[in-house]
């Protein structure tokens, strides 16, 4: 992917919540953007950390020992193997940066994200 992308335009065109779209690549990593609201099921990624960047809104990450709240332009990394449950207020937009092929829910059957053409 070598063309310019505008994240606002990409996310304005996405109606599904918790549906990551691959908007860029860095080495062997995918940059995924998503509109999120409500709760996503608790899960863990056994093989990789998960980086969250909040573009708009507010994201809560329920961890085993605490809840981390992220506001716009906040960044947080959930370490590999740590169970977490993302929750978001309406209008929240996020970026994730993950190794290519990482599934959204940490399982081998989970979605890896929709690649933009």
N, C-alpha and C. Protein backbone atom coordinates (compact mmCIF):
# COMPACT_ATOMS: atom_id res chain seq x y z
N UNK A 1 0.84 -1.17 0.00
CA UNK A 1 0.00 0.00 0.00
C UNK A 1 0.88 1.23 0.00
N UNK A 2 0.90 1.92 -1.08
CA UNK A 2 1.77 3.08 -1.13
C UNK A 2 1.02 4.37 -1.42
N UNK A 3 -0.30 4.32 -1.45
CA UNK A 3 -1.01 5.56 -1.70
C UNK A 3 -1.45 6.23 -0.39
N UNK A 4 -1.65 7.52 -0.48
CA UNK A 4 -2.07 8.31 0.67
C UNK A 4 -3.50 7.94 1.06
N UNK A 5 -3.75 7.90 2.37
CA UNK A 5 -5.09 7.62 2.88
C UNK A 5 -5.45 8.69 3.92
N UNK A 6 -6.71 9.09 3.93
CA UNK A 6 -7.21 10.00 4.93
C UNK A 6 -8.06 9.18 5.90
N UNK A 7 -7.64 9.11 7.16
CA UNK A 7 -8.33 8.26 8.13
C UNK A 7 -9.77 8.69 8.36
N UNK A 8 -10.04 9.98 8.36
CA UNK A 8 -11.41 10.43 8.54
C UNK A 8 -12.29 9.92 7.41
N UNK A 9 -11.82 10.04 6.18
CA UNK A 9 -12.60 9.57 5.03
C UNK A 9 -12.81 8.06 5.08
N UNK A 10 -11.77 7.32 5.43
CA UNK A 10 -11.89 5.86 5.53
C UNK A 10 -12.93 5.49 6.58
N UNK A 11 -12.80 6.08 7.77
CA UNK A 11 -13.70 5.71 8.86
C UNK A 11 -15.12 6.23 8.66
N UNK A 12 -15.27 7.34 7.96
CA UNK A 12 -16.61 7.84 7.64
C UNK A 12 -17.36 6.85 6.74
N UNK A 13 -16.62 6.09 5.94
CA UNK A 13 -17.23 5.13 5.01
C UNK A 13 -17.50 3.77 5.64
N UNK A 14 -17.07 3.56 6.88
CA UNK A 14 -17.25 2.28 7.56
C UNK A 14 -18.41 2.39 8.53
N UNK A 15 -19.44 1.58 8.32
CA UNK A 15 -20.60 1.63 9.22
C UNK A 15 -20.53 0.58 10.32
N UNK A 16 -19.82 -0.51 10.09
CA UNK A 16 -19.73 -1.59 11.08
C UNK A 16 -18.81 -1.19 12.22
N UNK A 17 -19.24 -1.50 13.44
CA UNK A 17 -18.41 -1.27 14.61
C UNK A 17 -17.49 -2.47 14.84
N UNK A 18 -16.33 -2.21 15.42
CA UNK A 18 -15.34 -3.24 15.74
C UNK A 18 -14.93 -4.02 14.48
N UNK A 19 -14.91 -3.33 13.34
CA UNK A 19 -14.54 -3.95 12.06
C UNK A 19 -13.28 -3.27 11.54
N UNK A 20 -12.11 -3.78 11.90
CA UNK A 20 -10.88 -3.10 11.50
C UNK A 20 -10.64 -3.14 9.99
N UNK A 21 -10.13 -2.02 9.48
CA UNK A 21 -9.76 -1.91 8.07
C UNK A 21 -8.26 -1.62 8.02
N UNK A 22 -7.56 -2.38 7.23
CA UNK A 22 -6.12 -2.20 7.10
C UNK A 22 -5.88 -0.98 6.21
N UNK A 23 -5.31 0.07 6.81
CA UNK A 23 -5.12 1.33 6.10
C UNK A 23 -3.66 1.57 5.73
N UNK A 24 -2.77 0.73 6.22
CA UNK A 24 -1.35 0.89 5.92
C UNK A 24 -0.56 -0.31 6.39
N UNK A 25 0.70 -0.32 5.99
CA UNK A 25 1.62 -1.40 6.37
C UNK A 25 2.96 -0.79 6.74
N UNK A 26 3.60 -1.37 7.72
CA UNK A 26 4.95 -0.99 8.12
C UNK A 26 5.72 -2.28 8.34
N UNK A 27 6.70 -2.55 7.48
CA UNK A 27 7.44 -3.80 7.53
C UNK A 27 6.45 -4.96 7.54
N UNK A 28 6.45 -5.79 8.57
CA UNK A 28 5.55 -6.93 8.64
C UNK A 28 4.34 -6.65 9.53
N UNK A 29 3.99 -5.39 9.67
CA UNK A 29 2.88 -4.98 10.53
C UNK A 29 1.77 -4.34 9.71
N UNK A 30 0.53 -4.54 10.17
CA UNK A 30 -0.64 -3.89 9.59
C UNK A 30 -1.06 -2.74 10.50
N UNK A 31 -1.46 -1.64 9.89
CA UNK A 31 -2.06 -0.51 10.61
C UNK A 31 -3.55 -0.60 10.34
N UNK A 32 -4.33 -0.79 11.41
CA UNK A 32 -5.77 -1.04 11.28
C UNK A 32 -6.56 0.09 11.94
N UNK A 33 -7.57 0.58 11.25
CA UNK A 33 -8.45 1.63 11.78
C UNK A 33 -9.85 1.06 11.96
N UNK A 34 -10.53 1.50 13.03
CA UNK A 34 -11.89 0.99 13.28
C UNK A 34 -12.70 2.03 14.03
N UNK A 35 -14.00 2.02 13.75
CA UNK A 35 -14.99 2.72 14.57
C UNK A 35 -15.44 1.73 15.64
N UNK A 36 -15.47 2.17 16.88
CA UNK A 36 -15.84 1.26 17.96
C UNK A 36 -16.81 1.93 18.91
N UNK A 37 -17.69 1.13 19.50
CA UNK A 37 -18.62 1.61 20.52
C UNK A 37 -19.17 0.38 21.23
N UNK A 38 -19.53 0.55 22.49
CA UNK A 38 -20.02 -0.59 23.26
C UNK A 38 -18.85 -1.48 23.69
N UNK A 39 -19.15 -2.75 23.88
CA UNK A 39 -18.14 -3.68 24.39
C UNK A 39 -17.69 -4.67 23.32
N UNK A 40 -16.42 -5.03 23.39
CA UNK A 40 -15.87 -6.12 22.59
C UNK A 40 -15.54 -7.24 23.56
N UNK A 41 -15.70 -8.51 23.17
CA UNK A 41 -15.47 -9.59 24.12
C UNK A 41 -14.04 -9.61 24.69
N UNK A 42 -13.96 -10.03 25.93
CA UNK A 42 -12.66 -10.20 26.57
C UNK A 42 -11.85 -11.23 25.80
N UNK A 43 -10.56 -10.97 25.65
CA UNK A 43 -9.69 -11.88 24.92
C UNK A 43 -8.23 -11.57 25.26
N UNK A 44 -7.33 -12.39 24.72
CA UNK A 44 -5.89 -12.17 24.86
C UNK A 44 -5.22 -12.54 23.56
N UNK A 45 -4.06 -11.95 23.33
CA UNK A 45 -3.23 -12.31 22.19
C UNK A 45 -1.98 -12.98 22.77
N UNK A 46 -1.88 -14.28 22.59
CA UNK A 46 -0.79 -15.03 23.21
C UNK A 46 0.57 -14.77 22.58
N UNK A 47 0.58 -14.34 21.30
CA UNK A 47 1.84 -14.24 20.57
C UNK A 47 2.31 -12.82 20.30
N UNK A 48 1.52 -11.81 20.66
CA UNK A 48 1.91 -10.44 20.32
C UNK A 48 1.28 -9.43 21.27
N UNK A 49 1.98 -8.31 21.45
CA UNK A 49 1.39 -7.17 22.15
C UNK A 49 0.32 -6.57 21.24
N UNK A 50 -0.56 -5.73 21.81
CA UNK A 50 -1.56 -5.04 21.01
C UNK A 50 -1.51 -3.55 21.35
N UNK A 51 -1.18 -2.74 20.34
CA UNK A 51 -1.06 -1.30 20.51
C UNK A 51 -2.38 -0.63 20.13
N UNK A 52 -2.90 0.20 21.03
CA UNK A 52 -4.11 0.99 20.78
C UNK A 52 -3.74 2.46 20.72
N UNK A 53 -4.25 3.16 19.70
CA UNK A 53 -4.12 4.61 19.58
C UNK A 53 -5.54 5.13 19.38
N UNK A 54 -5.97 6.04 20.26
CA UNK A 54 -7.32 6.59 20.15
C UNK A 54 -7.25 7.88 19.33
N UNK A 55 -8.02 7.91 18.25
CA UNK A 55 -8.09 9.08 17.39
C UNK A 55 -9.18 10.04 17.84
N UNK A 56 -10.31 9.49 18.29
CA UNK A 56 -11.46 10.30 18.74
C UNK A 56 -12.24 9.48 19.75
N UNK A 57 -12.94 10.15 20.64
CA UNK A 57 -13.79 9.45 21.60
C UNK A 57 -13.01 9.01 22.83
N UNK A 58 -13.49 7.94 23.45
CA UNK A 58 -12.86 7.42 24.67
C UNK A 58 -12.96 5.90 24.68
N UNK A 59 -11.82 5.26 24.92
CA UNK A 59 -11.72 3.80 24.96
C UNK A 59 -11.30 3.37 26.35
N UNK A 60 -11.98 2.36 26.89
CA UNK A 60 -11.65 1.79 28.19
C UNK A 60 -11.13 0.38 27.95
N UNK A 61 -10.01 0.05 28.54
CA UNK A 61 -9.46 -1.31 28.44
C UNK A 61 -9.52 -1.93 29.83
N UNK A 62 -10.44 -2.88 30.00
CA UNK A 62 -10.55 -3.58 31.28
C UNK A 62 -9.49 -4.67 31.31
N UNK A 63 -8.53 -4.51 32.22
CA UNK A 63 -7.44 -5.46 32.41
C UNK A 63 -7.70 -6.25 33.69
N UNK A 64 -6.95 -7.31 33.96
CA UNK A 64 -7.20 -8.09 35.17
C UNK A 64 -7.12 -7.28 36.46
N UNK A 65 -6.24 -6.27 36.51
CA UNK A 65 -6.02 -5.55 37.76
C UNK A 65 -6.49 -4.09 37.76
N UNK A 66 -6.97 -3.61 36.60
CA UNK A 66 -7.39 -2.20 36.53
C UNK A 66 -8.05 -1.92 35.19
N UNK A 67 -8.61 -0.73 35.06
CA UNK A 67 -9.13 -0.25 33.78
C UNK A 67 -8.27 0.93 33.35
N UNK A 68 -7.82 0.89 32.11
CA UNK A 68 -7.05 1.98 31.51
C UNK A 68 -8.00 2.73 30.58
N UNK A 69 -8.13 4.04 30.78
CA UNK A 69 -9.00 4.86 29.94
C UNK A 69 -8.12 5.71 29.02
N UNK A 70 -8.43 5.64 27.73
CA UNK A 70 -7.67 6.37 26.72
C UNK A 70 -8.56 7.43 26.08
N UNK A 71 -8.06 8.64 26.04
CA UNK A 71 -8.71 9.77 25.39
C UNK A 71 -8.04 10.01 24.04
N UNK A 72 -8.55 10.94 23.23
CA UNK A 72 -7.94 11.19 21.92
C UNK A 72 -6.44 11.46 22.03
N UNK A 73 -5.71 10.81 21.15
CA UNK A 73 -4.26 10.88 21.01
C UNK A 73 -3.51 10.13 22.11
N UNK A 74 -4.22 9.38 22.95
CA UNK A 74 -3.56 8.51 23.93
C UNK A 74 -3.18 7.19 23.27
N UNK A 75 -2.10 6.62 23.76
CA UNK A 75 -1.56 5.36 23.25
C UNK A 75 -1.35 4.42 24.43
N UNK A 76 -1.67 3.14 24.23
CA UNK A 76 -1.44 2.13 25.28
C UNK A 76 -1.17 0.79 24.61
N UNK A 77 -0.23 0.05 25.17
CA UNK A 77 0.08 -1.29 24.68
C UNK A 77 -0.36 -2.32 25.70
N UNK A 78 -1.22 -3.24 25.28
CA UNK A 78 -1.59 -4.38 26.11
C UNK A 78 -0.54 -5.46 25.84
N UNK A 79 0.19 -5.88 26.87
CA UNK A 79 1.23 -6.89 26.66
C UNK A 79 0.65 -8.24 26.21
N UNK A 80 1.43 -8.97 25.46
CA UNK A 80 1.00 -10.30 25.01
C UNK A 80 0.56 -11.14 26.20
N UNK A 81 -0.48 -11.92 25.97
CA UNK A 81 -0.98 -12.84 26.99
C UNK A 81 -1.88 -12.22 28.04
N UNK A 82 -2.03 -10.90 28.06
CA UNK A 82 -2.86 -10.24 29.07
C UNK A 82 -4.30 -10.17 28.56
N UNK A 83 -5.22 -10.72 29.32
CA UNK A 83 -6.64 -10.66 28.96
C UNK A 83 -7.10 -9.21 29.09
N UNK A 84 -7.91 -8.79 28.14
CA UNK A 84 -8.43 -7.43 28.15
C UNK A 84 -9.78 -7.40 27.45
N UNK A 85 -10.60 -6.45 27.90
CA UNK A 85 -11.92 -6.24 27.30
C UNK A 85 -12.02 -4.77 26.93
N UNK A 86 -11.98 -4.48 25.62
CA UNK A 86 -12.17 -3.10 25.18
C UNK A 86 -13.63 -2.68 25.28
N UNK A 87 -13.85 -1.46 25.75
CA UNK A 87 -15.17 -0.84 25.77
C UNK A 87 -15.00 0.58 25.26
N UNK A 88 -15.96 1.04 24.49
CA UNK A 88 -15.81 2.38 23.91
C UNK A 88 -17.11 3.16 23.95
N UNK A 89 -16.97 4.45 24.10
CA UNK A 89 -18.11 5.35 24.03
C UNK A 89 -18.46 5.58 22.56
N UNK A 90 -19.71 5.89 22.26
CA UNK A 90 -20.09 6.15 20.86
C UNK A 90 -19.19 7.22 20.23
N UNK A 91 -18.86 7.01 18.97
CA UNK A 91 -18.02 7.96 18.24
C UNK A 91 -16.53 7.74 18.40
N UNK A 92 -16.15 6.66 19.05
CA UNK A 92 -14.72 6.40 19.25
C UNK A 92 -14.11 5.79 18.00
N UNK A 93 -12.91 6.26 17.68
CA UNK A 93 -12.16 5.78 16.52
C UNK A 93 -10.75 5.42 16.99
N UNK A 94 -10.28 4.25 16.56
CA UNK A 94 -8.98 3.79 17.02
C UNK A 94 -8.10 3.31 15.87
N UNK A 95 -6.80 3.24 16.17
CA UNK A 95 -5.83 2.57 15.32
C UNK A 95 -5.19 1.47 16.15
N UNK A 96 -4.92 0.34 15.49
CA UNK A 96 -4.12 -0.73 16.08
C UNK A 96 -2.96 -0.99 15.13
N UNK A 97 -1.81 -1.28 15.70
CA UNK A 97 -0.66 -1.69 14.90
C UNK A 97 -0.26 -3.06 15.40
N UNK A 98 -0.35 -4.05 14.49
CA UNK A 98 -0.16 -5.45 14.88
C UNK A 98 0.59 -6.20 13.79
N UNK A 99 1.30 -7.28 14.15
CA UNK A 99 1.93 -8.10 13.12
C UNK A 99 0.90 -8.58 12.11
N UNK A 100 1.27 -8.59 10.84
CA UNK A 100 0.38 -9.04 9.77
C UNK A 100 -0.20 -10.41 10.13
N UNK A 101 -1.51 -10.55 9.94
CA UNK A 101 -2.19 -11.81 10.22
C UNK A 101 -2.73 -11.94 11.63
N UNK A 102 -2.47 -10.94 12.50
CA UNK A 102 -3.00 -10.99 13.87
C UNK A 102 -4.51 -10.86 13.82
N UNK A 103 -5.20 -11.77 14.50
CA UNK A 103 -6.66 -11.72 14.51
C UNK A 103 -7.15 -10.76 15.60
N UNK A 104 -8.33 -10.26 15.39
CA UNK A 104 -8.92 -9.27 16.28
C UNK A 104 -9.16 -9.83 17.69
N UNK A 105 -9.52 -11.10 17.76
CA UNK A 105 -9.86 -11.68 19.06
C UNK A 105 -8.81 -12.64 19.61
N UNK A 106 -7.66 -12.74 18.96
CA UNK A 106 -6.59 -13.59 19.45
C UNK A 106 -6.75 -15.06 19.13
N UNK A 107 -7.80 -15.44 18.41
CA UNK A 107 -8.00 -16.84 18.04
C UNK A 107 -7.59 -17.07 16.59
N UNK A 108 -7.40 -18.31 16.23
CA UNK A 108 -7.01 -18.61 14.85
C UNK A 108 -8.17 -18.41 13.88
N UNK A 109 -9.41 -18.36 14.39
CA UNK A 109 -10.58 -18.17 13.52
C UNK A 109 -11.01 -16.71 13.41
N UNK A 110 -10.43 -15.83 14.18
CA UNK A 110 -10.87 -14.44 14.21
C UNK A 110 -10.54 -13.67 12.94
N UNK A 111 -11.18 -12.51 12.81
CA UNK A 111 -10.96 -11.65 11.66
C UNK A 111 -9.62 -10.94 11.76
N UNK A 112 -8.93 -10.80 10.62
CA UNK A 112 -7.65 -10.10 10.59
C UNK A 112 -7.79 -8.65 10.14
N UNK A 113 -8.95 -8.29 9.62
CA UNK A 113 -9.17 -6.94 9.14
C UNK A 113 -9.41 -6.95 7.63
N UNK A 114 -10.13 -5.96 7.18
CA UNK A 114 -10.42 -5.83 5.74
C UNK A 114 -9.37 -4.95 5.10
N UNK A 115 -8.73 -5.46 4.09
CA UNK A 115 -7.69 -4.71 3.39
C UNK A 115 -8.33 -3.74 2.41
N UNK A 116 -7.96 -2.48 2.50
CA UNK A 116 -8.46 -1.47 1.56
C UNK A 116 -7.71 -1.59 0.25
N UNK A 117 -8.41 -1.41 -0.81
CA UNK A 117 -7.77 -1.45 -2.14
C UNK A 117 -7.48 -0.07 -2.63
